[in-house]
Protein backbone atom coordinates (compact mmCIF):
# COMPACT_ATOMS: atom_id res chain seq x y z
CA MET A 1 0.00 0.00 0.00
CA ASP A 2 1.26 3.47 -0.92
CA PHE A 3 0.78 5.93 1.94
CA LYS A 4 2.23 8.86 0.01
CA PHE A 5 0.25 11.79 -1.36
CA THR A 6 0.70 12.79 -4.99
CA GLU A 7 2.90 15.74 -5.97
CA GLU A 8 -0.23 17.76 -6.75
CA GLU A 9 -1.65 16.99 -3.30
CA GLU A 10 1.60 17.87 -1.54
CA ALA A 11 1.79 21.17 -3.45
CA PHE A 12 -1.79 21.92 -2.43
CA ARG A 13 -0.94 21.14 1.20
CA ARG A 14 1.94 23.63 1.11
CA ASP A 15 -0.34 26.29 -0.38
CA VAL A 16 -3.05 25.70 2.23
CA ARG A 17 -0.53 25.60 5.07
CA SER A 18 0.94 28.94 4.02
CA PHE A 19 -2.52 30.50 3.78
CA MET A 20 -3.60 29.20 7.19
CA ARG A 21 -0.45 30.38 8.93
CA SER A 22 -0.80 33.89 7.53
CA GLU A 23 -4.58 34.41 7.56
CA TRP A 24 -5.81 32.69 10.72
CA THR A 25 -4.89 34.97 13.61
CA LEU A 26 -7.52 33.97 16.17
CA GLY A 27 -7.45 31.52 19.05
CA SER A 28 -10.44 29.44 20.11
CA ILE A 29 -13.69 31.01 18.94
CA ASP A 30 -16.56 31.99 21.21
CA ILE A 31 -19.34 32.86 18.77
CA GLU A 32 -20.88 35.10 21.43
CA ASP A 33 -17.83 37.39 21.16
CA PRO A 34 -18.67 39.89 18.36
CA ASP A 35 -15.03 40.59 17.48
CA ALA A 36 -14.08 36.92 17.33
CA PHE A 37 -17.18 36.14 15.28
CA ALA A 38 -16.43 38.93 12.80
CA GLY A 39 -12.81 37.83 12.48
CA ALA A 40 -13.74 34.21 11.85
CA ARG A 41 -16.37 35.24 9.30
CA ALA A 42 -13.87 37.44 7.45
CA PHE A 43 -11.45 34.51 7.30
CA GLU A 44 -14.20 32.27 6.00
CA LYS A 45 -15.02 34.70 3.20
CA LYS A 46 -11.37 34.72 2.13
CA MET A 47 -11.60 30.96 1.84
CA ALA A 48 -14.78 31.30 -0.21
CA ASP A 49 -13.04 33.77 -2.54
CA ARG A 50 -10.40 31.11 -3.21
CA GLY A 51 -13.05 28.47 -3.77
CA TRP A 52 -11.73 26.47 -0.82
CA ARG A 53 -14.75 26.65 1.45
CA THR A 54 -16.82 24.23 -0.62
CA MET A 55 -14.02 22.87 -2.80
CA HIS A 56 -15.32 19.30 -2.45
CA TRP A 57 -18.72 20.26 -3.90
CA PRO A 58 -19.56 19.74 -7.59
CA LYS A 59 -18.85 22.77 -9.77
CA GLU A 60 -22.51 23.30 -10.62
CA TYR A 61 -23.24 23.98 -6.95
CA GLY A 62 -20.38 26.38 -6.30
CA GLY A 63 -17.55 23.92 -5.65
CA GLN A 64 -14.39 22.90 -7.47
CA GLY A 65 -15.14 19.21 -7.76
CA ALA A 66 -12.00 18.55 -5.71
CA THR A 67 -11.13 15.03 -4.65
CA HIS A 68 -11.85 13.69 -1.19
CA MET A 69 -8.11 13.60 -0.54
CA MET A 70 -7.79 17.32 -1.34
CA GLN A 71 -10.67 18.00 1.04
CA ILE A 72 -9.14 16.01 3.87
CA ILE A 73 -5.84 17.87 3.38
CA MET A 74 -7.73 21.15 3.67
CA ARG A 75 -9.53 20.11 6.85
CA GLU A 76 -6.36 18.72 8.39
CA GLU A 77 -4.39 21.92 7.87
CA MET A 78 -7.29 24.06 9.10
CA SER A 79 -7.74 22.00 12.24
CA TYR A 80 -4.03 22.03 12.98
CA VAL A 81 -4.00 25.83 13.37
CA GLY A 82 -7.44 25.89 15.03
CA ALA A 83 -9.17 27.60 12.10
CA ARG A 84 -12.91 27.16 12.04
CA ILE A 85 -15.72 27.34 9.53
CA LEU A 86 -18.64 28.95 11.34
CA ASP A 87 -21.06 27.48 8.81
CA GLY A 88 -19.77 23.93 9.21
CA GLN A 89 -23.40 22.78 9.27
CA GLY A 90 -23.99 24.22 5.81
CA VAL A 91 -20.68 23.23 4.22
CA HIS A 92 -20.27 19.74 5.63
CA MET A 93 -23.77 18.54 6.54
CA ILE A 94 -26.97 20.06 5.16
CA GLY A 95 -25.34 21.18 1.90
CA PRO A 96 -24.13 17.69 0.93
CA CYS A 97 -27.42 16.25 2.18
CA ILE A 98 -29.43 18.53 -0.12
CA MET A 99 -27.23 17.42 -3.03
CA VAL A 100 -28.26 13.82 -2.34
CA HIS A 101 -31.93 14.19 -1.35
CA GLY A 102 -33.05 17.66 -2.45
CA THR A 103 -35.03 18.66 -5.53
CA GLU A 104 -33.35 20.66 -8.26
CA GLU A 105 -35.20 23.76 -7.06
CA GLN A 106 -33.94 23.22 -3.52
CA LYS A 107 -30.38 22.78 -4.75
CA LYS A 108 -30.52 26.04 -6.71
CA ARG A 109 -32.09 27.87 -3.78
CA PHE A 110 -29.99 26.70 -0.84
CA LEU A 111 -26.57 25.64 -2.12
CA PRO A 112 -25.16 28.81 -3.80
CA PRO A 113 -25.59 31.00 -0.66
CA ILE A 114 -23.63 28.41 1.33
CA ALA A 115 -20.85 28.36 -1.25
CA ARG A 116 -20.69 32.18 -1.31
CA CYS A 117 -20.50 32.39 2.51
CA GLU A 118 -23.76 34.33 2.72
CA VAL A 119 -25.58 32.20 5.27
CA ILE A 120 -25.00 30.25 8.49
CA TRP A 121 -26.91 27.07 9.25
CA ALA A 122 -27.91 25.69 12.66
CA GLN A 123 -28.76 22.07 13.47
CA GLY A 124 -31.95 20.98 15.22
CA PHE A 125 -31.80 17.25 15.89
CA SER A 126 -31.54 16.49 19.62
CA GLU A 127 -34.38 17.07 22.08
CA PRO A 128 -34.51 16.96 25.89
CA ASN A 129 -35.71 13.34 25.75
CA ALA A 130 -34.23 12.33 22.41
CA GLY A 131 -30.45 12.38 22.17
CA SER A 132 -28.73 9.12 21.38
CA ASP A 133 -32.18 7.60 20.79
CA LEU A 134 -32.87 10.31 18.26
CA ALA A 135 -35.81 8.51 16.67
CA SER A 136 -37.81 9.20 19.85
CA LEU A 137 -38.02 12.91 18.94
CA GLN A 138 -41.35 14.63 19.55
CA LEU A 139 -41.17 17.95 17.66
CA ARG A 140 -44.48 17.80 15.78
CA ALA A 141 -45.09 18.95 12.21
CA VAL A 142 -48.79 19.02 11.29
CA LYS A 143 -49.87 19.62 7.70
CA ASP A 144 -51.97 22.75 7.14
CA GLY A 145 -52.70 23.37 3.48
CA ASP A 146 -49.41 24.03 1.70
CA ASP A 147 -47.54 24.39 4.99
CA PHE A 148 -46.54 22.40 8.05
CA ILE A 149 -46.97 23.82 11.57
CA LEU A 150 -44.09 22.96 13.91
CA ASN A 151 -44.44 22.77 17.70
CA GLY A 152 -41.92 21.52 20.23
CA GLN A 153 -38.35 21.96 21.41
CA LYS A 154 -34.82 21.17 20.23
CA THR A 155 -31.75 21.28 22.43
CA TRP A 156 -27.98 21.39 21.88
CA THR A 157 -28.68 23.42 18.74
CA SER A 158 -25.35 24.16 17.08
CA ALA A 159 -25.01 27.81 15.96
CA GLY A 160 -28.47 28.58 17.31
CA THR A 161 -27.68 32.19 18.23
CA VAL A 162 -26.09 33.06 14.87
CA GLY A 163 -27.91 30.77 12.44
CA ASP A 164 -29.93 32.13 9.54
CA TRP A 165 -31.50 28.73 8.75
CA ILE A 166 -31.89 25.50 10.70
CA HIS A 167 -32.29 21.92 9.48
CA VAL A 168 -34.61 19.92 11.71
CA MET A 169 -36.21 16.52 12.05
CA ALA A 170 -39.88 16.54 13.03
CA ARG A 171 -42.56 13.91 13.59
CA THR A 172 -45.18 14.00 10.85
CA ASP A 173 -46.93 10.69 11.65
CA SER A 174 -47.28 9.86 15.33
CA ASN A 175 -48.95 6.52 14.55
CA ALA A 176 -46.08 5.14 12.46
CA PRO A 177 -43.10 3.25 13.91
CA LYS A 178 -40.77 5.86 15.37
CA HIS A 179 -38.18 5.66 12.57
CA ARG A 180 -40.83 5.94 9.84
CA GLY A 181 -42.94 8.89 10.94
CA ILE A 182 -40.22 11.54 10.74
CA SER A 183 -39.70 14.21 8.06
CA TYR A 184 -36.75 16.51 7.43
CA PHE A 185 -37.24 20.28 7.06
CA VAL A 186 -35.15 23.38 6.52
CA VAL A 187 -36.54 26.38 8.39
CA ASP A 188 -35.82 30.12 8.29
CA MET A 189 -34.66 31.09 11.79
CA LYS A 190 -36.46 34.43 11.40
CA SER A 191 -39.81 32.64 11.17
CA PRO A 192 -42.37 33.86 13.73
CA GLY A 193 -42.58 31.52 16.71
CA ILE A 194 -38.90 30.53 16.99
CA THR A 195 -37.14 31.35 20.27
CA VAL A 196 -33.53 30.49 21.12
CA MET A 197 -31.95 30.42 24.58
CA PRO A 198 -28.15 29.97 24.91
CA ILE A 199 -26.79 27.04 26.93
CA LEU A 200 -23.58 27.78 28.82
CA ASN A 201 -21.34 24.70 28.73
CA MET A 202 -18.91 23.61 31.46
CA ALA A 203 -16.03 25.26 29.58
CA GLY A 204 -17.80 28.61 29.98
CA MET A 205 -18.91 29.05 26.36
CA ALA A 206 -22.39 29.26 24.85
CA GLY A 207 -21.94 27.27 21.66
CA PHE A 208 -25.37 25.63 21.86
CA THR A 209 -28.94 26.72 22.49
CA ASP A 210 -32.37 25.45 23.37
CA THR A 211 -34.65 26.21 20.42
CA TYR A 212 -38.42 26.46 20.82
CA PHE A 213 -40.99 26.18 18.02
CA ASP A 214 -44.39 27.71 18.75
CA ASN A 215 -46.75 27.30 15.77
CA VAL A 216 -43.91 27.88 13.32
CA ARG A 217 -45.21 27.77 9.75
CA VAL A 218 -42.94 26.03 7.21
CA PRO A 219 -43.82 25.74 3.49
CA LYS A 220 -43.98 22.14 2.29
CA ASP A 221 -41.37 22.88 -0.41
CA GLN A 222 -38.86 23.17 2.46
CA MET A 223 -39.14 19.47 3.22
CA ILE A 224 -36.01 17.59 2.14
CA GLY A 225 -36.77 14.15 0.76
CA GLU A 226 -40.03 12.26 1.15
CA GLU A 227 -42.61 12.83 3.86
CA ASN A 228 -42.15 10.36 6.75
CA ARG A 229 -38.78 9.25 5.33
CA GLY A 230 -36.74 11.94 7.03
CA TRP A 231 -34.89 9.50 9.27
CA TYR A 232 -33.04 8.10 6.27
CA VAL A 233 -32.24 11.60 5.00
CA ALA A 234 -30.82 12.44 8.43
CA MET A 235 -28.61 9.36 8.41
CA THR A 236 -26.96 10.73 5.28
CA THR A 237 -26.30 13.97 7.15
CA LEU A 238 -24.81 12.17 10.15
CA ASP A 239 -22.46 10.08 7.99
CA PHE A 240 -21.04 13.37 6.68
CA GLU A 241 -20.72 14.67 10.27
CA ARG A 242 -18.97 11.67 11.77
CA SER A 243 -16.04 11.44 9.37
CA SER A 244 -13.61 14.16 10.40
CA ILE A 245 -9.83 14.36 10.65
CA SER A 246 -10.07 17.43 12.86
CA PHE A 247 -9.61 15.46 16.10
CA ALA A 248 -6.29 14.03 14.90
CA ALA A 249 -5.02 17.36 13.55
CA GLU A 250 -6.01 19.33 16.65
CA SER A 251 -4.41 16.65 18.81
CA ALA A 252 -1.18 16.86 16.80
CA LYS A 253 -0.93 20.59 17.45
CA THR A 254 -1.73 20.19 21.15
CA LEU A 255 0.88 17.43 21.48
CA GLU A 256 3.53 19.65 19.91
CA GLU A 257 2.72 22.36 22.46
CA LEU A 258 2.84 19.85 25.32
CA VAL A 259 6.22 18.47 24.21
CA LYS A 260 7.65 21.98 23.95
CA TRP A 261 6.25 22.83 27.40
CA ALA A 262 7.70 19.62 28.88
CA LYS A 263 11.13 20.48 27.48
CA GLU A 264 11.07 24.01 28.89
CA THR A 265 9.46 23.31 32.28
CA LYS A 266 11.46 21.93 35.17
CA ARG A 267 10.33 19.95 38.17
CA ASP A 268 12.67 18.93 40.98
CA GLY A 269 15.58 20.38 39.06
CA LYS A 270 15.11 18.60 35.73
CA ALA A 271 12.97 19.06 32.63
CA ILE A 272 9.66 17.22 32.71
CA ILE A 273 10.49 15.64 29.34
CA ASP A 274 13.37 13.81 31.07
CA GLU A 275 10.94 11.96 33.34
CA SER A 276 10.39 8.51 31.87
CA VAL A 277 6.66 8.43 32.68
CA ALA A 278 6.10 11.78 30.97
CA ARG A 279 8.14 10.73 27.93
CA HIS A 280 6.24 7.45 27.57
CA LYS A 281 2.84 9.17 27.87
CA LEU A 282 3.73 11.70 25.19
CA ALA A 283 5.10 8.98 22.91
CA GLU A 284 1.90 6.98 23.31
CA MET A 285 -0.12 10.03 22.30
CA ALA A 286 2.04 10.50 19.19
CA ILE A 287 1.33 6.90 18.14
CA GLU A 288 -2.41 7.27 18.69
CA ILE A 289 -2.53 10.50 16.69
CA GLU A 290 -0.94 8.73 13.73
CA VAL A 291 -3.50 5.91 14.04
CA ALA A 292 -6.33 8.46 14.03
CA ARG A 293 -4.91 10.12 10.91
CA LEU A 294 -4.73 6.81 9.05
CA ILE A 295 -8.31 5.86 10.00
CA ASN A 296 -9.52 9.15 8.51
CA TYR A 297 -7.33 8.78 5.42
CA ASN A 298 -8.97 5.39 4.89
CA VAL A 299 -12.43 6.99 5.04
CA ALA A 300 -11.37 9.51 2.38
CA TYR A 301 -9.85 6.72 0.27
CA MET A 302 -13.11 4.76 0.41
CA GLN A 303 -15.02 7.84 -0.70
CA THR A 304 -12.71 8.29 -3.69
CA LYS A 305 -13.67 4.73 -4.71
CA GLY A 306 -17.39 5.44 -4.42
CA LEU A 307 -17.75 3.33 -1.28
CA ILE A 308 -19.90 4.32 1.73
CA PRO A 309 -17.82 4.41 4.93
CA ALA A 310 -20.69 3.77 7.34
CA TYR A 311 -18.99 1.91 10.20
CA GLN A 312 -15.59 3.30 9.20
CA ALA A 313 -16.90 6.82 9.85
CA SER A 314 -18.05 5.62 13.27
CA MET A 315 -14.55 4.25 13.88
CA ALA A 316 -13.04 7.62 13.01
CA LYS A 317 -15.43 9.50 15.29
CA THR A 318 -15.01 7.11 18.23
CA PHE A 319 -11.23 6.84 18.12
CA GLY A 320 -10.71 10.53 17.38
CA THR A 321 -12.90 11.87 20.19
CA GLU A 322 -11.53 9.44 22.76
CA LEU A 323 -7.98 10.30 21.65
CA HIS A 324 -8.81 13.97 22.27
CA GLN A 325 -9.95 13.10 25.78
CA ARG A 326 -6.87 10.96 26.52
CA LEU A 327 -4.59 13.75 25.34
CA ALA A 328 -6.37 16.27 27.58
CA ARG A 329 -6.02 13.93 30.56
CA THR A 330 -2.33 13.41 29.74
CA GLY A 331 -1.80 17.17 29.77
CA MET A 332 -3.62 17.54 33.08
CA ASP A 333 -1.57 14.69 34.60
CA LEU A 334 1.72 16.25 33.50
CA MET A 335 0.80 19.74 34.73
CA GLY A 336 -0.67 18.65 38.04
CA LEU A 337 -2.66 21.33 39.87
CA TYR A 338 -1.40 23.99 37.45
CA GLY A 339 -3.46 22.29 34.73
CA GLY A 340 -6.68 23.37 36.42
CA LEU A 341 -5.95 27.08 36.05
CA ASP A 342 -7.59 29.07 33.27
CA GLY A 343 -5.90 31.60 31.06
CA LYS A 344 -6.61 34.50 33.42
CA SER A 345 -4.19 33.17 36.03
CA ALA A 346 -0.53 34.23 35.97
CA TRP A 347 0.34 30.63 36.85
CA ALA A 348 -1.67 29.04 34.04
CA GLN A 349 0.27 26.70 31.79
CA LEU A 350 -0.11 27.04 28.00
CA SER A 351 -2.58 29.89 28.63
CA GLY A 352 -5.06 27.46 30.17
CA ARG A 353 -5.66 25.61 26.90
CA ILE A 354 -5.32 22.16 28.48
CA LYS A 355 -7.99 22.96 31.04
CA TYR A 356 -10.32 24.17 28.29
CA LEU A 357 -9.59 21.02 26.25
CA TYR A 358 -10.18 18.81 29.28
CA LEU A 359 -13.64 20.31 29.82
CA TRP A 360 -14.65 20.64 26.17
CA THR A 361 -13.74 17.10 25.10
CA ILE A 362 -16.20 15.55 27.55
CA GLY A 363 -18.97 16.47 25.14
CA GLU A 364 -17.17 15.17 22.04
CA THR A 365 -17.95 11.53 22.84
CA ILE A 366 -21.63 12.46 23.18
CA TYR A 367 -22.48 14.77 20.27
CA ALA A 368 -22.93 13.51 16.68
CA GLY A 369 -24.18 10.25 18.16
CA SER A 370 -22.66 9.03 21.42
CA ASN A 371 -19.71 6.66 21.21
CA GLU A 372 -21.88 3.92 22.68
CA ILE A 373 -24.13 4.28 19.63
CA GLN A 374 -21.06 4.33 17.36
CA ARG A 375 -19.91 1.03 18.84
CA ASN A 376 -23.33 -0.45 18.10
CA ILE A 377 -22.97 0.69 14.48
CA MET A 378 -19.51 -0.88 14.24
CA ALA A 379 -20.79 -4.11 15.76
CA GLN A 380 -23.84 -4.36 13.51
CA ARG A 381 -22.55 -2.98 10.20
CA GLY A 382 -18.90 -3.93 10.57
CA LEU A 383 -19.00 -7.26 12.38
CA GLY A 384 -22.51 -8.33 11.39
CA LEU A 385 -23.62 -8.85 14.99
CA PRO A 386 -27.36 -8.93 15.76
CA ARG A 387 -29.17 -6.05 17.47
CA GLU A 388 -30.09 -8.24 20.43
């Protein structure tokens, strides 16, 4: 097996790397911070001007028709420097989903604004009593002439405070089996009856919201796919969400910072890197990061061959998120009590980034389908094991 990239791909990586190093000047992004939001949006528009934001899309929808390997190079280099696409929902999830399941009119209406960086999408899947068991959702959509009337609540809504549109799953047939009475809608966030309330996470950021729908009227031409078949449309969306090299790339950058810190920081008169336990922990993280990269490269390779990486995407999500958690714990172990200080403290190590990572990564094994659910997918689709 040849693990090398082509000359064209390596040249593209150098170009992207140079762009990221010069254009991304922000740290972690709190979308509630107006200056950080504006800076990230300006960066995103520069990417759109280069055609990089949706480079993996077909040309007729505003993309470049780039290969999956080019796309994974782009995402890897972005994640390494911490760069972020605020409209990740549009670029990586609902946009590709509309390409697969949308009508031609829907494609022409919704895809170009995403490609031009003119819109931000939010996601409305989870509910207070429907998270990992997503098919138990209760947001109701009742037909009323040429519209549907939506009532209910979504929670953990990504980009809820800044979204222009939201893609949601709603129950359109309460008498059908729970997987078969769901439809998939795209909804204007400015529609009367929508209320959003930010949720402050344990890392101190409000990246999610509760979203309430009170008699929200949605035209029926904003249903994606067939009525009562929305569950299967959503599974397409989630397969796009779960395959991401970002966990490996972000971990690689964090590990580099930890190694540098361990070389420069002394304890009991010697550098921490000279302690055998510390050295072995860091080496183990380096090995796991390389494994995570190769799992994601395999997903991209399968996509280039027209294959569907269903359980392989679950492997990438599970290993990548748990790697992120292990790396955060390793950093906390090496720093001791100093690791619990945030960036405001004069004694904080690495500006408090390890503490933030330690808190943030707890949610990574839960969102996009908990890792317990991912293991079920791997068991059933990968190993052929029965459900019971």
